[in-house]
Amino acid sequence: MARRRHREEEHPNHERWLVSYADFITLLFAFFVVMYALSSINEGKYKVLSNSLTNAFRNVTGQAGGQPLALTPGAPVLPPKPVVKVDRQAEVKKVEREKMKNVARDIMEALQPLVAAGKVRLLETSRGVTIEINDSVLFAAGQARLQAPSVSALGAIAQVLAATDFPITIEGHTDNVPIATPQFPSNWELSALRATTVLRLFNDSGVGAERLTAIGYGETRPLETNTTPEGRGRNRRVSILIDSNRPEEPTEVPQAAAGAPTPSR
């Protein structure tokens, strides 16, 4: 009797694709988990990664604020162009220096005879230009009234300064010889009134009062020793500082920074 064949015919498995699909879904889920983690930790890194993936799949590269550029296979990648930043503050300072040089040149030309005689000096400093005028050109000994020849010289300076907008500080200086008169109890009053006299002439000649400052230093800032007549003559002077530094807007100091006691909790 022939043996019965119990082997049943195998049927084809039509659900095998589910295995591959499940693997794909698992990888996709893991990918989005990583993307979410990156976006939670650092939004900037997430955007960089997202843009990189987008450009890679699209085969394009983007430029910020411009149109996407198509990549040609095998073409060399050009480096980005450097961004040239314009230092506005440096440009402003350069213009100010040029204006200051022009002012110094015009004053030098106007006072050339006094400069040649050694009665006037022009000094360039980090703050601007300083004009030093010997007091013998401007005032009689122990007086604060301008002598007639000096008025025209100061008027020439004022004419140049009136066309500018630089702040101007006028400083009065004396030697250490004491003075004690009813009008000038000390060298402080003498130097301050001399500086104010020059200030008034500048203002009357068209220089704005808001740009002018007068200071009297007395004998506290000598240029040379006061032990010789020549040194004392150098120390008796009026200095006119043309300041290239613009005054800044004041900023209030916070109370904590000023040492105010902090409230207890």
C-alpha atoms as a PDB file:
ATOM      1  CA  MET A   1       0.000   0.000   0.000  1.00  0.00           C
ATOM      2  CA  ALA A   2       1.539   3.306  -0.993  1.00  0.00           C
ATOM      3  CA  ARG A   3       2.465   5.708   1.769  1.00  0.00           C
ATOM      4  CA  ARG A   4       0.278   8.701   1.952  1.00  0.00           C
ATOM      5  CA  ARG A   5       2.067  11.939   1.542  1.00  0.00           C
ATOM      6  CA  HIS A   6       1.117  14.116   4.455  1.00  0.00           C
ATOM      7  CA  ARG A   7       3.286  16.962   3.293  1.00  0.00           C
ATOM      8  CA  GLU A   8       1.017  19.786   2.540  1.00  0.00           C
ATOM      9  CA  GLU A   9       1.751  22.264  -0.164  1.00  0.00           C
ATOM     10  CA  GLU A  10       3.316  25.505   1.174  1.00  0.00           C
ATOM     11  CA  HIS A  11       1.431  28.681   0.555  1.00  0.00           C
ATOM     12  CA  PRO A  12       3.355  31.895  -0.387  1.00  0.00           C
ATOM     13  CA  ASN A  13       3.697  34.472   2.455  1.00  0.00           C
ATOM     14  CA  HIS A  14       2.158  37.712   1.193  1.00  0.00           C
ATOM     15  CA  GLU A  15       2.806  39.649   4.455  1.00  0.00           C
ATOM     16  CA  ARG A  16       6.612  39.587   4.333  1.00  0.00           C
ATOM     17  CA  TRP A  17       6.677  43.256   3.362  1.00  0.00           C
ATOM     18  CA  LEU A  18       5.438  44.166   6.822  1.00  0.00           C
ATOM     19  CA  VAL A  19       8.868  43.368   8.277  1.00  0.00           C
ATOM     20  CA  SER A  20      10.630  45.881   6.037  1.00  0.00           C
ATOM     21  CA  TYR A  21       7.894  48.438   6.609  1.00  0.00           C
ATOM     22  CA  ALA A  22       8.185  48.070  10.376  1.00  0.00           C
ATOM     23  CA  ASP A  23      11.965  48.563  10.175  1.00  0.00           C
ATOM     24  CA  PHE A  24      11.471  51.688   8.094  1.00  0.00           C
ATOM     25  CA  ILE A  25       8.903  53.104  10.536  1.00  0.00           C
ATOM     26  CA  THR A  26      11.258  52.380  13.447  1.00  0.00           C
ATOM     27  CA  LEU A  27      14.175  54.172  11.777  1.00  0.00           C
ATOM     28  CA  LEU A  28      11.952  57.102  10.846  1.00  0.00           C
ATOM     29  CA  PHE A  29      10.714  57.345  14.416  1.00  0.00           C
ATOM     30  CA  ALA A  30      14.296  57.302  15.716  1.00  0.00           C
ATOM     31  CA  PHE A  31      15.247  60.014  13.221  1.00  0.00           C
ATOM     32  CA  PHE A  32      12.480  62.326  14.422  1.00  0.00           C
ATOM     33  CA  VAL A  33      13.377  61.657  18.048  1.00  0.00           C
ATOM     34  CA  VAL A  34      16.943  62.765  17.338  1.00  0.00           C
ATOM     35  CA  MET A  35      15.691  65.823  15.475  1.00  0.00           C
ATOM     36  CA  TYR A  36      13.416  66.754  18.368  1.00  0.00           C
ATOM     37  CA  ALA A  37      16.232  66.312  20.876  1.00  0.00           C
ATOM     38  CA  LEU A  38      18.499  68.584  18.856  1.00  0.00           C
ATOM     39  CA  SER A  39      15.811  71.242  18.550  1.00  0.00           C
ATOM     40  CA  SER A  40      15.205  71.167  22.302  1.00  0.00           C
ATOM     41  CA  ILE A  41      18.897  71.467  23.199  1.00  0.00           C
ATOM     42  CA  ASN A  42      20.041  74.018  20.683  1.00  0.00           C
ATOM     43  CA  GLU A  43      17.718  75.642  18.217  1.00  0.00           C
ATOM     44  CA  GLY A  44      20.640  76.960  16.171  1.00  0.00           C
ATOM     45  CA  LYS A  45      22.116  73.479  15.667  1.00  0.00           C
ATOM     46  CA  TYR A  46      18.686  72.172  14.711  1.00  0.00           C
ATOM     47  CA  LYS A  47      18.280  74.824  12.032  1.00  0.00           C
ATOM     48  CA  VAL A  48      21.759  74.142  10.664  1.00  0.00           C
ATOM     49  CA  LEU A  49      21.062  70.402  10.494  1.00  0.00           C
ATOM     50  CA  SER A  50      17.639  70.944   8.970  1.00  0.00           C
ATOM     51  CA  ASN A  51      19.001  73.276   6.283  1.00  0.00           C
ATOM     52  CA  SER A  52      21.847  70.886   5.529  1.00  0.00           C
ATOM     53  CA  LEU A  53      19.481  67.952   5.076  1.00  0.00           C
ATOM     54  CA  THR A  54      17.133  70.015   2.924  1.00  0.00           C
ATOM     55  CA  ASN A  55      19.953  71.206   0.689  1.00  0.00           C
ATOM     56  CA  ALA A  56      21.394  67.705   0.440  1.00  0.00           C
ATOM     57  CA  PHE A  57      18.099  66.158  -0.699  1.00  0.00           C
ATOM     58  CA  ARG A  58      17.380  69.009  -3.097  1.00  0.00           C
ATOM     59  CA  ASN A  59      20.978  69.165  -4.369  1.00  0.00           C
ATOM     60  CA  VAL A  60      21.048  72.959  -3.882  1.00  0.00           C
ATOM     61  CA  THR A  61      22.855  75.354  -1.588  1.00  0.00           C
ATOM     62  CA  GLY A  62      21.267  78.490  -0.209  1.00  0.00           C
ATOM     63  CA  GLN A  63      22.578  81.929   0.453  1.00  0.00           C
ATOM     64  CA  ALA A  64      21.130  84.019   3.224  1.00  0.00           C
ATOM     65  CA  GLY A  65      18.928  86.701   1.782  1.00  0.00           C
ATOM     66  CA  GLY A  66      19.389  85.493  -1.823  1.00  0.00           C
ATOM     67  CA  GLN A  67      18.259  82.904  -4.363  1.00  0.00           C
ATOM     68  CA  PRO A  68      19.350  79.243  -4.144  1.00  0.00           C
ATOM     69  CA  LEU A  69      22.213  78.266  -6.429  1.00  0.00           C
ATOM     70  CA  ALA A  70      22.149  74.932  -8.254  1.00  0.00           C
ATOM     71  CA  LEU A  71      25.181  72.699  -7.744  1.00  0.00           C
ATOM     72  CA  THR A  72      26.892  71.244 -10.761  1.00  0.00           C
ATOM     73  CA  PRO A  73      28.355  67.791 -10.080  1.00  0.00           C
ATOM     74  CA  GLY A  74      32.140  67.937 -10.041  1.00  0.00           C
ATOM     75  CA  ALA A  75      32.290  71.749  -9.973  1.00  0.00           C
ATOM     76  CA  PRO A  76      34.589  73.307  -7.332  1.00  0.00           C
ATOM     77  CA  VAL A  77      32.843  74.994  -4.412  1.00  0.00           C
ATOM     78  CA  LEU A  78      33.721  78.675  -4.236  1.00  0.00           C
ATOM     79  CA  PRO A  79      34.572  80.061  -0.781  1.00  0.00           C
ATOM     80  CA  PRO A  80      32.153  82.653   0.608  1.00  0.00           C
ATOM     81  CA  LYS A  81      33.066  86.273  -0.005  1.00  0.00           C
ATOM     82  CA  PRO A  82      34.356  88.059   3.102  1.00  0.00           C
ATOM     83  CA  VAL A  83      32.012  90.636   4.551  1.00  0.00           C
ATOM     84  CA  VAL A  84      33.666  94.044   4.719  1.00  0.00           C
ATOM     85  CA  LYS A  85      32.505  95.957   7.779  1.00  0.00           C
ATOM     86  CA  VAL A  86      32.752  99.740   7.661  1.00  0.00           C
ATOM     87  CA  ASP A  87      33.906 101.263  10.946  1.00  0.00           C
ATOM     88  CA  ARG A  88      31.678 104.330  11.103  1.00  0.00           C
ATOM     89  CA  GLN A  89      33.360 105.637  14.233  1.00  0.00           C
ATOM     90  CA  ALA A  90      36.793 105.488  12.606  1.00  0.00           C
ATOM     91  CA  GLU A  91      35.448 107.330   9.555  1.00  0.00           C
ATOM     92  CA  VAL A  92      33.988 110.070  11.754  1.00  0.00           C
ATOM     93  CA  LYS A  93      37.280 110.449  13.643  1.00  0.00           C
ATOM     94  CA  LYS A  94      39.188 110.687  10.367  1.00  0.00           C
ATOM     95  CA  VAL A  95      36.925 113.497   9.147  1.00  0.00           C
ATOM     96  CA  GLU A  96      37.277 115.290  12.501  1.00  0.00           C
ATOM     97  CA  ARG A  97      41.078 115.085  12.322  1.00  0.00           C
ATOM     98  CA  GLU A  98      41.079 116.586   8.824  1.00  0.00           C
ATOM     99  CA  LYS A  99      38.850 119.452   9.978  1.00  0.00           C
ATOM    100  CA  MET A 100      41.119 120.039  12.978  1.00  0.00           C
ATOM    101  CA  LYS A 101      44.218 120.182  10.748  1.00  0.00           C
ATOM    102  CA  ASN A 102      42.513 122.762   8.540  1.00  0.00           C
ATOM    103  CA  VAL A 103      41.651 124.873  11.603  1.00  0.00           C
ATOM    104  CA  ALA A 104      45.246 124.711  12.859  1.00  0.00           C
ATOM    105  CA  ARG A 105      46.572 125.717   9.438  1.00  0.00           C
ATOM    106  CA  ASP A 106      44.224 128.720   9.205  1.00  0.00           C
ATOM    107  CA  ILE A 107      45.142 129.910  12.715  1.00  0.00           C
ATOM    108  CA  MET A 108      48.849 129.499  11.956  1.00  0.00           C
ATOM    109  CA  GLU A 109      48.473 131.684   8.876  1.00  0.00           C
ATOM    110  CA  ALA A 110      46.496 134.333  10.801  1.00  0.00           C
ATOM    111  CA  LEU A 111      49.057 134.526  13.631  1.00  0.00           C
ATOM    112  CA  GLN A 112      52.213 134.020  11.581  1.00  0.00           C
ATOM    113  CA  PRO A 113      53.986 137.223  12.816  1.00  0.00           C
ATOM    114  CA  LEU A 114      53.372 136.307  16.484  1.00  0.00           C
ATOM    115  CA  VAL A 115      54.390 132.696  15.876  1.00  0.00           C
ATOM    116  CA  ALA A 116      57.619 133.842  14.241  1.00  0.00           C
ATOM    117  CA  ALA A 117      58.310 136.123  17.223  1.00  0.00           C
ATOM    118  CA  GLY A 118      57.848 133.247  19.679  1.00  0.00           C
ATOM    119  CA  LYS A 119      54.816 134.846  21.317  1.00  0.00           C
ATOM    120  CA  VAL A 120      52.347 132.193  20.112  1.00  0.00           C
ATOM    121  CA  ARG A 121      52.731 128.406  19.902  1.00  0.00           C
ATOM    122  CA  LEU A 122      50.399 125.863  18.306  1.00  0.00           C
ATOM    123  CA  LEU A 123      50.482 122.397  19.848  1.00  0.00           C
ATOM    124  CA  GLU A 124      48.746 119.282  18.548  1.00  0.00           C
ATOM    125  CA  THR A 125      47.588 116.951  21.345  1.00  0.00           C
ATOM    126  CA  SER A 126      45.453 113.834  21.654  1.00  0.00           C
ATOM    127  CA  ARG A 127      42.473 116.060  22.444  1.00  0.00           C
ATOM    128  CA  GLY A 128      42.914 118.509  19.597  1.00  0.00           C
ATOM    129  CA  VAL A 129      44.881 121.721  19.059  1.00  0.00           C
ATOM    130  CA  THR A 130      46.115 124.087  21.787  1.00  0.00           C
ATOM    131  CA  ILE A 131      47.058 127.725  21.121  1.00  0.00           C
ATOM    132  CA  GLU A 132      49.424 129.150  23.747  1.00  0.00           C
ATOM    133  CA  ILE A 133      49.601 132.952  23.791  1.00  0.00           C
ATOM    134  CA  ASN A 134      52.099 134.763  25.992  1.00  0.00           C
ATOM    135  CA  ASP A 135      50.293 137.163  28.316  1.00  0.00           C
ATOM    136  CA  SER A 136      52.604 140.036  27.325  1.00  0.00           C
ATOM    137  CA  VAL A 137      50.795 140.056  23.965  1.00  0.00           C
ATOM    138  CA  LEU A 138      47.381 140.293  25.602  1.00  0.00           C
ATOM    139  CA  PHE A 139      47.541 142.057  28.974  1.00  0.00           C
ATOM    140  CA  ALA A 140      49.595 144.558  30.923  1.00  0.00           C
ATOM    141  CA  ALA A 141      51.195 143.300  34.132  1.00  0.00           C
ATOM    142  CA  GLY A 142      48.606 142.576  36.806  1.00  0.00           C
ATOM    143  CA  GLN A 143      45.704 143.548  34.520  1.00  0.00           C
ATOM    144  CA  ALA A 144      42.878 141.679  32.775  1.00  0.00           C
ATOM    145  CA  ARG A 145      41.992 144.283  30.143  1.00  0.00           C
ATOM    146  CA  LEU A 146      43.065 143.373  26.593  1.00  0.00           C
ATOM    147  CA  GLN A 147      45.673 145.605  24.995  1.00  0.00           C
ATOM    148  CA  ALA A 148      44.656 147.174  21.697  1.00  0.00           C
ATOM    149  CA  PRO A 149      47.105 145.236  19.445  1.00  0.00           C
ATOM    150  CA  SER A 150      45.925 141.892  20.873  1.00  0.00           C
ATOM    151  CA  VAL A 151      42.286 142.460  19.972  1.00  0.00           C
ATOM    152  CA  SER A 152      42.946 142.036  16.249  1.00  0.00           C
ATOM    153  CA  ALA A 153      44.976 138.854  16.843  1.00  0.00           C
ATOM    154  CA  LEU A 154      42.237 137.288  18.971  1.00  0.00           C
ATOM    155  CA  GLY A 155      39.647 138.465  16.443  1.00  0.00           C
ATOM    156  CA  ALA A 156      41.495 136.546  13.706  1.00  0.00           C
ATOM    157  CA  ILE A 157      41.389 133.386  15.851  1.00  0.00           C
ATOM    158  CA  ALA A 158      37.703 133.890  16.611  1.00  0.00           C
ATOM    159  CA  GLN A 159      36.921 134.302  12.911  1.00  0.00           C
ATOM    160  CA  VAL A 160      38.421 130.882  12.197  1.00  0.00           C
ATOM    161  CA  LEU A 161      36.711 129.216  15.171  1.00  0.00           C
ATOM    162  CA  ALA A 162      33.298 130.719  14.419  1.00  0.00           C
ATOM    163  CA  ALA A 163      33.099 128.622  11.248  1.00  0.00           C
ATOM    164  CA  THR A 164      33.622 125.363  13.196  1.00  0.00           C
ATOM    165  CA  ASP A 165      31.628 123.495  15.824  1.00  0.00           C
ATOM    166  CA  PHE A 166      34.409 122.275  18.125  1.00  0.00           C
ATOM    167  CA  PRO A 167      34.164 122.890  21.897  1.00  0.00           C
ATOM    168  CA  ILE A 168      36.656 125.527  23.065  1.00  0.00           C
ATOM    169  CA  THR A 169      38.245 125.854  26.517  1.00  0.00           C
ATOM    170  CA  ILE A 170      40.127 129.041  27.438  1.00  0.00           C
ATOM    171  CA  GLU A 171      42.625 128.676  30.282  1.00  0.00           C
ATOM    172  CA  GLY A 172      44.299 131.504  32.202  1.00  0.00           C
ATOM    173  CA  HIS A 173      47.725 130.888  33.800  1.00  0.00           C
ATOM    174  CA  THR A 174      50.056 133.066  35.899  1.00  0.00           C
ATOM    175  CA  ASP A 175      53.488 132.770  37.494  1.00  0.00           C
ATOM    176  CA  ASN A 176      53.960 132.268  41.242  1.00  0.00           C
ATOM    177  CA  VAL A 177      54.480 135.927  42.083  1.00  0.00           C
ATOM    178  CA  PRO A 178      51.616 136.736  44.478  1.00  0.00           C
ATOM    179  CA  ILE A 179      49.140 139.505  43.776  1.00  0.00           C
ATOM    180  CA  ALA A 180      46.870 141.143  46.332  1.00  0.00           C
ATOM    181  CA  THR A 181      44.743 144.014  45.055  1.00  0.00           C
ATOM    182  CA  PRO A 182      41.107 144.895  45.692  1.00  0.00           C
ATOM    183  CA  GLN A 183      40.207 143.542  42.235  1.00  0.00           C
ATOM    184  CA  PHE A 184      42.474 140.464  42.347  1.00  0.00           C
ATOM    185  CA  PRO A 185      42.982 139.039  45.853  1.00  0.00           C
ATOM    186  CA  SER A 186      45.090 136.220  44.357  1.00  0.00           C
ATOM    187  CA  ASN A 187      46.358 134.788  41.088  1.00  0.00           C
ATOM    188  CA  TRP A 188      43.198 132.660  40.879  1.00  0.00           C
ATOM    189  CA  GLU A 189      41.026 135.717  40.264  1.00  0.00           C
ATOM    190  CA  LEU A 190      43.523 137.247  37.845  1.00  0.00           C
ATOM    191  CA  SER A 191      43.823 134.112  35.695  1.00  0.00           C
ATOM    192  CA  ALA A 192      40.055 133.476  35.734  1.00  0.00           C
ATOM    193  CA  LEU A 193      39.187 137.035  34.661  1.00  0.00           C
ATOM    194  CA  ARG A 194      41.787 136.957  31.875  1.00  0.00           C
ATOM    195  CA  ALA A 195      40.301 133.737  30.510  1.00  0.00           C
ATOM    196  CA  THR A 196      36.792 135.207  30.765  1.00  0.00           C
ATOM    197  CA  THR A 197      37.902 138.355  28.919  1.00  0.00           C
ATOM    198  CA  VAL A 198      39.110 136.276  25.974  1.00  0.00           C
ATOM    199  CA  LEU A 199      35.895 134.246  26.123  1.00  0.00           C
ATOM    200  CA  ARG A 200      33.767 137.401  25.845  1.00  0.00           C
ATOM    201  CA  LEU A 201      35.730 138.584  22.813  1.00  0.00           C
ATOM    202  CA  PHE A 202      35.221 135.208  21.105  1.00  0.00           C
ATOM    203  CA  ASN A 203      31.512 135.275  21.847  1.00  0.00           C
ATOM    204  CA  ASP A 204      31.174 138.829  20.548  1.00  0.00           C
ATOM    205  CA  SER A 205      33.003 137.718  17.373  1.00  0.00           C
ATOM    206  CA  GLY A 206      30.456 134.998  16.545  1.00  0.00           C
ATOM    207  CA  VAL A 207      31.615 131.931  18.492  1.00  0.00           C
ATOM    208  CA  GLY A 208      28.600 130.302  20.152  1.00  0.00           C
ATOM    209  CA  ALA A 209      28.481 130.673  23.926  1.00  0.00           C
ATOM    210  CA  GLU A 210      27.488 127.014  24.331  1.00  0.00           C
ATOM    211  CA  ARG A 211      30.898 126.026  22.923  1.00  0.00           C
ATOM    212  CA  LEU A 212      32.957 128.248  25.241  1.00  0.00           C
ATOM    213  CA  THR A 213      34.413 127.495  28.683  1.00  0.00           C
ATOM    214  CA  ALA A 214      36.751 129.696  30.755  1.00  0.00           C
ATOM    215  CA  ILE A 215      39.015 128.302  33.507  1.00  0.00           C
ATOM    216  CA  GLY A 216      41.521 130.052  35.783  1.00  0.00           C
ATOM    217  CA  TYR A 217      44.410 127.895  37.000  1.00  0.00           C
ATOM    218  CA  GLY A 218      46.520 130.586  38.626  1.00  0.00           C
ATOM    219  CA  GLU A 219      50.116 129.412  39.130  1.00  0.00           C
ATOM    220  CA  THR A 220      49.202 125.711  39.584  1.00  0.00           C
ATOM    221  CA  ARG A 221      50.202 124.514  36.089  1.00  0.00           C
ATOM    222  CA  PRO A 222      53.566 126.025  35.166  1.00  0.00           C
ATOM    223  CA  LEU A 223      55.341 125.107  31.936  1.00  0.00           C
ATOM    224  CA  GLU A 224      58.786 125.968  33.268  1.00  0.00           C
ATOM    225  CA  THR A 225      60.443 126.861  36.540  1.00  0.00           C
ATOM    226  CA  ASN A 226      59.449 130.101  38.246  1.00  0.00           C
ATOM    227  CA  THR A 227      62.986 130.731  39.475  1.00  0.00           C
ATOM    228  CA  THR A 228      64.023 132.676  36.359  1.00  0.00           C
ATOM    229  CA  PRO A 229      62.455 135.673  34.615  1.00  0.00           C
ATOM    230  CA  GLU A 230      62.287 133.693  31.362  1.00  0.00           C
ATOM    231  CA  GLY A 231      60.474 130.805  33.049  1.00  0.00           C
ATOM    232  CA  ARG A 232      57.976 133.112  34.713  1.00  0.00           C
ATOM    233  CA  GLY A 233      57.370 134.794  31.358  1.00  0.00           C
ATOM    234  CA  ARG A 234      56.536 131.428  29.790  1.00  0.00           C
ATOM    235  CA  ASN A 235      54.186 130.533  32.607  1.00  0.00           C
ATOM    236  CA  ARG A 236      52.132 133.725  32.230  1.00  0.00           C
ATOM    237  CA  ARG A 237      49.953 132.733  29.322  1.00  0.00           C
ATOM    238  CA  VAL A 238      46.479 132.105  27.959  1.00  0.00           C
ATOM    239  CA  SER A 239      45.835 128.654  26.424  1.00  0.00           C
ATOM    240  CA  ILE A 240      43.009 128.072  23.959  1.00  0.00           C
ATOM    241  CA  LEU A 241      42.121 124.392  23.613  1.00  0.00           C
ATOM    242  CA  ILE A 242      40.133 123.423  20.510  1.00  0.00           C
ATOM    243  CA  ASP A 243      38.707 120.094  21.607  1.00  0.00           C
ATOM    244  CA  SER A 244      38.054 117.370  19.028  1.00  0.00           C
ATOM    245  CA  ASN A 245      36.331 115.120  21.588  1.00  0.00           C
ATOM    246  CA  ARG A 246      32.610 115.572  21.446  1.00  0.00           C
ATOM    247  CA  PRO A 247      30.834 115.592  24.818  1.00  0.00           C
ATOM    248  CA  GLU A 248      28.882 112.381  25.406  1.00  0.00           C
ATOM    249  CA  GLU A 249      25.341 112.126  26.650  1.00  0.00           C
ATOM    250  CA  PRO A 250      25.392 111.626  30.437  1.00  0.00           C
ATOM    251  CA  THR A 251      24.268 108.274  31.819  1.00  0.00           C
ATOM    252  CA  GLU A 252      22.821 108.050  35.307  1.00  0.00           C
ATOM    253  CA  VAL A 253      24.760 105.784  37.648  1.00  0.00           C
ATOM    254  CA  PRO A 254      22.567 103.054  39.204  1.00  0.00           C
ATOM    255  CA  GLN A 255      22.170 103.332  42.977  1.00  0.00           C
ATOM    256  CA  ALA A 256      23.736  99.914  43.590  1.00  0.00           C
ATOM    257  CA  ALA A 257      26.842 100.903  41.616  1.00  0.00           C
ATOM    258  CA  ALA A 258      27.086 104.183  43.539  1.00  0.00           C
ATOM    259  CA  GLY A 259      27.366 102.339  46.844  1.00  0.00           C
ATOM    260  CA  ALA A 260      23.757 102.665  47.972  1.00  0.00           C
ATOM    261  CA  PRO A 261      22.760 100.088  50.612  1.00  0.00           C
ATOM    262  CA  THR A 262      20.794  97.188  49.221  1.00  0.00           C
ATOM    263  CA  PRO A 263      17.460  96.506  50.939  1.00  0.00           C
ATOM    264  CA  SER A 264      17.458  93.507  53.268  1.00  0.00           C
ATOM    265  CA  ARG A 265      15.190  90.635  52.477  1.00  0.00           C
END
